[in-house]
Amino acid sequence: MFLIILYTTFVITLLFGTAVAGILILLPAEASKANLIGYYSTCAFAPISSIILFSLTFVGFILLMKLWRKFAKKSKKSVVYEEFETILNQK
């Protein structure tokens, strides 16, 4: 159970951290040179780094969906198993 909580915490942190970082990179700021798009922002590699960070956000979202589906399947299986076991025990 500890590993599941750790995994969930990691994935949620990945989601929020990469999304926020991707947005912060695009904000205008004083810099020594223009980025690849042509304006001065926090990062000189603004479009590429933002795309990479938003891709990581998408991967984190997929991992979180897989985790939720896994929990949903386990809970449904356990309910069905308990109902089946009670029917067998009644006979």
N, C-alpha and C. Protein backbone atom coordinates (compact mmCIF):
# COMPACT_ATOMS: atom_id res chain seq x y z
N MET A 1 0.82 -1.19 0.00
CA MET A 1 0.00 0.00 0.00
C MET A 1 0.87 1.26 0.00
N PHE A 2 2.00 1.18 0.69
CA PHE A 2 2.91 2.33 0.74
C PHE A 2 3.43 2.68 -0.65
N LEU A 3 3.74 1.65 -1.44
CA LEU A 3 4.25 1.90 -2.79
C LEU A 3 3.18 2.52 -3.69
N ILE A 4 1.95 2.16 -3.49
CA ILE A 4 0.86 2.74 -4.29
C ILE A 4 0.70 4.22 -3.95
N ILE A 5 0.76 4.55 -2.67
CA ILE A 5 0.67 5.96 -2.27
C ILE A 5 1.86 6.74 -2.79
N LEU A 6 3.05 6.15 -2.72
CA LEU A 6 4.25 6.79 -3.24
C LEU A 6 4.15 7.01 -4.75
N TYR A 7 3.67 6.01 -5.47
CA TYR A 7 3.50 6.11 -6.92
C TYR A 7 2.49 7.20 -7.27
N THR A 8 1.37 7.23 -6.57
CA THR A 8 0.34 8.24 -6.82
C THR A 8 0.88 9.64 -6.54
N THR A 9 1.60 9.80 -5.46
CA THR A 9 2.19 11.09 -5.12
C THR A 9 3.18 11.52 -6.19
N PHE A 10 3.99 10.61 -6.67
CA PHE A 10 4.96 10.92 -7.72
C PHE A 10 4.27 11.36 -9.00
N VAL A 11 3.23 10.65 -9.39
CA VAL A 11 2.54 10.97 -10.65
C VAL A 11 1.82 12.32 -10.54
N ILE A 12 1.17 12.59 -9.44
CA ILE A 12 0.47 13.87 -9.28
C ILE A 12 1.48 15.02 -9.25
N THR A 13 2.62 14.80 -8.57
CA THR A 13 3.67 15.82 -8.56
C THR A 13 4.21 16.04 -9.96
N LEU A 14 4.39 14.98 -10.71
CA LEU A 14 4.84 15.08 -12.10
C LEU A 14 3.85 15.89 -12.92
N LEU A 15 2.57 15.64 -12.74
CA LEU A 15 1.55 16.37 -13.49
C LEU A 15 1.60 17.86 -13.22
N PHE A 16 1.52 18.23 -11.96
CA PHE A 16 1.46 19.65 -11.63
C PHE A 16 2.80 20.35 -11.85
N GLY A 17 3.89 19.69 -11.51
CA GLY A 17 5.20 20.30 -11.65
C GLY A 17 5.56 20.60 -13.09
N THR A 18 5.34 19.65 -13.97
CA THR A 18 5.69 19.87 -15.37
C THR A 18 4.75 20.85 -16.05
N ALA A 19 3.48 20.84 -15.67
CA ALA A 19 2.54 21.79 -16.27
C ALA A 19 2.89 23.22 -15.86
N VAL A 20 3.17 23.42 -14.59
CA VAL A 20 3.52 24.76 -14.11
C VAL A 20 4.85 25.22 -14.71
N ALA A 21 5.83 24.32 -14.76
CA ALA A 21 7.13 24.68 -15.34
C ALA A 21 7.00 25.03 -16.82
N GLY A 22 6.17 24.28 -17.55
CA GLY A 22 5.96 24.57 -18.97
C GLY A 22 5.34 25.94 -19.20
N ILE A 23 4.46 26.35 -18.31
CA ILE A 23 3.84 27.67 -18.42
C ILE A 23 4.82 28.76 -18.01
N LEU A 24 5.56 28.54 -16.93
CA LEU A 24 6.51 29.54 -16.45
C LEU A 24 7.63 29.82 -17.46
N ILE A 25 8.01 28.81 -18.20
CA ILE A 25 9.07 28.98 -19.20
C ILE A 25 8.63 29.95 -20.30
N LEU A 26 7.37 29.96 -20.62
CA LEU A 26 6.87 30.81 -21.70
C LEU A 26 6.65 32.26 -21.30
N LEU A 27 6.68 32.57 -20.01
CA LEU A 27 6.44 33.94 -19.56
C LEU A 27 7.56 34.88 -20.01
N PRO A 28 7.20 36.08 -20.43
CA PRO A 28 8.24 37.04 -20.83
C PRO A 28 9.08 37.48 -19.64
N ALA A 29 10.38 37.66 -19.89
CA ALA A 29 11.30 38.10 -18.84
C ALA A 29 12.51 38.75 -19.49
N GLU A 30 13.27 39.47 -18.70
CA GLU A 30 14.49 40.06 -19.22
C GLU A 30 15.54 38.97 -19.37
N ALA A 31 16.11 38.89 -20.56
CA ALA A 31 17.13 37.88 -20.84
C ALA A 31 18.20 38.47 -21.74
N SER A 32 19.31 37.77 -21.83
CA SER A 32 20.41 38.28 -22.63
C SER A 32 20.19 38.07 -24.13
N LYS A 33 19.43 37.04 -24.50
CA LYS A 33 19.15 36.82 -25.92
C LYS A 33 17.74 36.30 -26.09
N ALA A 34 17.23 36.46 -27.30
CA ALA A 34 15.87 36.02 -27.61
C ALA A 34 15.82 34.50 -27.72
N ASN A 35 14.65 33.95 -27.45
CA ASN A 35 14.51 32.50 -27.56
C ASN A 35 14.26 32.10 -29.01
N LEU A 36 13.92 30.85 -29.25
CA LEU A 36 13.76 30.35 -30.61
C LEU A 36 12.55 30.95 -31.33
N ILE A 37 11.57 31.42 -30.59
CA ILE A 37 10.40 32.05 -31.21
C ILE A 37 10.70 33.50 -31.58
N GLY A 38 11.58 34.15 -30.84
CA GLY A 38 11.98 35.50 -31.16
C GLY A 38 11.72 36.52 -30.07
N TYR A 39 11.12 36.13 -28.98
CA TYR A 39 10.91 37.09 -27.89
C TYR A 39 11.75 36.67 -26.68
N TYR A 40 11.90 37.57 -25.75
CA TYR A 40 12.70 37.32 -24.56
C TYR A 40 11.84 36.67 -23.49
N SER A 41 12.21 35.47 -23.10
CA SER A 41 11.45 34.75 -22.09
C SER A 41 12.40 34.17 -21.05
N THR A 42 11.84 33.45 -20.10
CA THR A 42 12.62 32.87 -19.01
C THR A 42 13.66 31.88 -19.52
N CYS A 43 13.33 31.13 -20.53
CA CYS A 43 14.21 30.09 -21.07
C CYS A 43 14.53 30.39 -22.53
N ALA A 44 15.78 30.21 -22.92
CA ALA A 44 16.17 30.47 -24.30
C ALA A 44 15.65 29.40 -25.26
N PHE A 45 15.30 28.24 -24.74
CA PHE A 45 14.77 27.16 -25.57
C PHE A 45 13.27 27.00 -25.34
N ALA A 46 12.57 28.11 -25.27
CA ALA A 46 11.17 28.13 -24.83
C ALA A 46 10.25 27.18 -25.59
N PRO A 47 10.15 27.19 -26.86
CA PRO A 47 9.14 26.30 -27.45
C PRO A 47 9.49 24.82 -27.28
N ILE A 48 10.76 24.48 -27.41
CA ILE A 48 11.15 23.07 -27.31
C ILE A 48 11.00 22.57 -25.87
N SER A 49 11.48 23.33 -24.92
CA SER A 49 11.39 22.89 -23.53
C SER A 49 9.94 22.83 -23.05
N SER A 50 9.11 23.74 -23.51
CA SER A 50 7.69 23.70 -23.12
C SER A 50 7.01 22.47 -23.71
N ILE A 51 7.33 22.14 -24.94
CA ILE A 51 6.75 20.94 -25.56
C ILE A 51 7.18 19.70 -24.80
N ILE A 52 8.44 19.64 -24.40
CA ILE A 52 8.93 18.49 -23.63
C ILE A 52 8.20 18.41 -22.28
N LEU A 53 8.05 19.53 -21.60
CA LEU A 53 7.37 19.52 -20.30
C LEU A 53 5.89 19.17 -20.43
N PHE A 54 5.23 19.68 -21.45
CA PHE A 54 3.82 19.32 -21.65
C PHE A 54 3.67 17.85 -22.05
N SER A 55 4.67 17.30 -22.73
CA SER A 55 4.66 15.87 -23.05
C SER A 55 4.78 15.04 -21.77
N LEU A 56 5.64 15.47 -20.86
CA LEU A 56 5.76 14.78 -19.58
C LEU A 56 4.46 14.88 -18.77
N THR A 57 3.78 16.00 -18.88
CA THR A 57 2.49 16.15 -18.22
C THR A 57 1.49 15.14 -18.78
N PHE A 58 1.50 14.98 -20.09
CA PHE A 58 0.61 14.01 -20.73
C PHE A 58 0.95 12.58 -20.29
N VAL A 59 2.23 12.26 -20.20
CA VAL A 59 2.65 10.93 -19.75
C VAL A 59 2.19 10.71 -18.30
N GLY A 60 2.33 11.71 -17.46
CA GLY A 60 1.86 11.60 -16.09
C GLY A 60 0.36 11.38 -16.00
N PHE A 61 -0.38 12.05 -16.87
CA PHE A 61 -1.82 11.87 -16.90
C PHE A 61 -2.18 10.44 -17.31
N ILE A 62 -1.47 9.90 -18.29
CA ILE A 62 -1.71 8.51 -18.72
C ILE A 62 -1.40 7.54 -17.58
N LEU A 63 -0.29 7.77 -16.87
CA LEU A 63 0.05 6.91 -15.73
C LEU A 63 -1.00 6.97 -14.63
N LEU A 64 -1.54 8.15 -14.38
CA LEU A 64 -2.58 8.29 -13.37
C LEU A 64 -3.86 7.58 -13.80
N MET A 65 -4.21 7.67 -15.07
CA MET A 65 -5.39 6.96 -15.57
C MET A 65 -5.23 5.45 -15.44
N LYS A 66 -4.02 4.94 -15.74
CA LYS A 66 -3.77 3.51 -15.58
C LYS A 66 -3.92 3.08 -14.13
N LEU A 67 -3.42 3.90 -13.23
CA LEU A 67 -3.53 3.58 -11.81
C LEU A 67 -4.98 3.56 -11.37
N TRP A 68 -5.77 4.53 -11.80
CA TRP A 68 -7.19 4.56 -11.43
C TRP A 68 -7.94 3.36 -12.00
N ARG A 69 -7.63 2.99 -13.23
CA ARG A 69 -8.29 1.82 -13.83
C ARG A 69 -7.92 0.55 -13.08
N LYS A 70 -6.66 0.46 -12.65
CA LYS A 70 -6.23 -0.72 -11.90
C LYS A 70 -6.98 -0.83 -10.59
N PHE A 71 -7.17 0.28 -9.88
CA PHE A 71 -7.94 0.26 -8.64
C PHE A 71 -9.40 -0.07 -8.90
N ALA A 72 -9.95 0.44 -9.99
CA ALA A 72 -11.35 0.16 -10.30
C ALA A 72 -11.55 -1.32 -10.59
N LYS A 73 -10.63 -1.93 -11.31
CA LYS A 73 -10.74 -3.36 -11.60
C LYS A 73 -10.61 -4.19 -10.34
N LYS A 74 -9.68 -3.82 -9.47
CA LYS A 74 -9.50 -4.57 -8.23
C LYS A 74 -10.73 -4.49 -7.35
N SER A 75 -11.33 -3.30 -7.26
CA SER A 75 -12.50 -3.16 -6.39
C SER A 75 -13.69 -3.92 -6.96
N LYS A 76 -13.85 -3.91 -8.28
CA LYS A 76 -14.96 -4.66 -8.89
C LYS A 76 -14.75 -6.16 -8.72
N LYS A 77 -13.52 -6.62 -8.88
CA LYS A 77 -13.24 -8.04 -8.73
C LYS A 77 -13.49 -8.49 -7.30
N SER A 78 -13.12 -7.69 -6.35
CA SER A 78 -13.29 -8.09 -4.96
C SER A 78 -14.77 -8.16 -4.59
N VAL A 79 -15.59 -7.24 -5.10
CA VAL A 79 -17.03 -7.27 -4.82
C VAL A 79 -17.67 -8.49 -5.47
N VAL A 80 -17.31 -8.76 -6.71
CA VAL A 80 -17.86 -9.93 -7.41
C VAL A 80 -17.41 -11.21 -6.70
N TYR A 81 -16.17 -11.26 -6.30
CA TYR A 81 -15.66 -12.44 -5.61
C TYR A 81 -16.39 -12.66 -4.30
N GLU A 82 -16.63 -11.61 -3.54
CA GLU A 82 -17.34 -11.74 -2.27
C GLU A 82 -18.77 -12.21 -2.48
N GLU A 83 -19.45 -11.68 -3.50
CA GLU A 83 -20.82 -12.11 -3.79
C GLU A 83 -20.84 -13.57 -4.20
N PHE A 84 -19.90 -13.97 -5.02
CA PHE A 84 -19.82 -15.36 -5.46
C PHE A 84 -19.54 -16.28 -4.29
N GLU A 85 -18.69 -15.87 -3.40
CA GLU A 85 -18.36 -16.68 -2.24
C GLU A 85 -19.56 -16.82 -1.30
N THR A 86 -20.32 -15.76 -1.12
CA THR A 86 -21.51 -15.85 -0.27
C THR A 86 -22.56 -16.78 -0.88
N ILE A 87 -22.70 -16.75 -2.20
CA ILE A 87 -23.66 -17.65 -2.85
C ILE A 87 -23.23 -19.11 -2.67
N LEU A 88 -21.95 -19.37 -2.80
CA LEU A 88 -21.45 -20.72 -2.63
C LEU A 88 -21.62 -21.21 -1.19
N ASN A 89 -21.43 -20.32 -0.24
CA ASN A 89 -21.53 -20.69 1.17
C ASN A 89 -22.97 -20.93 1.58
N GLN A 90 -23.94 -20.35 0.88
CA GLN A 90 -25.35 -20.53 1.24
C GLN A 90 -25.83 -21.91 0.87
N LYS A 91 -25.28 -22.53 -0.12
CA LYS A 91 -25.75 -23.87 -0.57
C LYS A 91 -25.29 -24.98 0.30
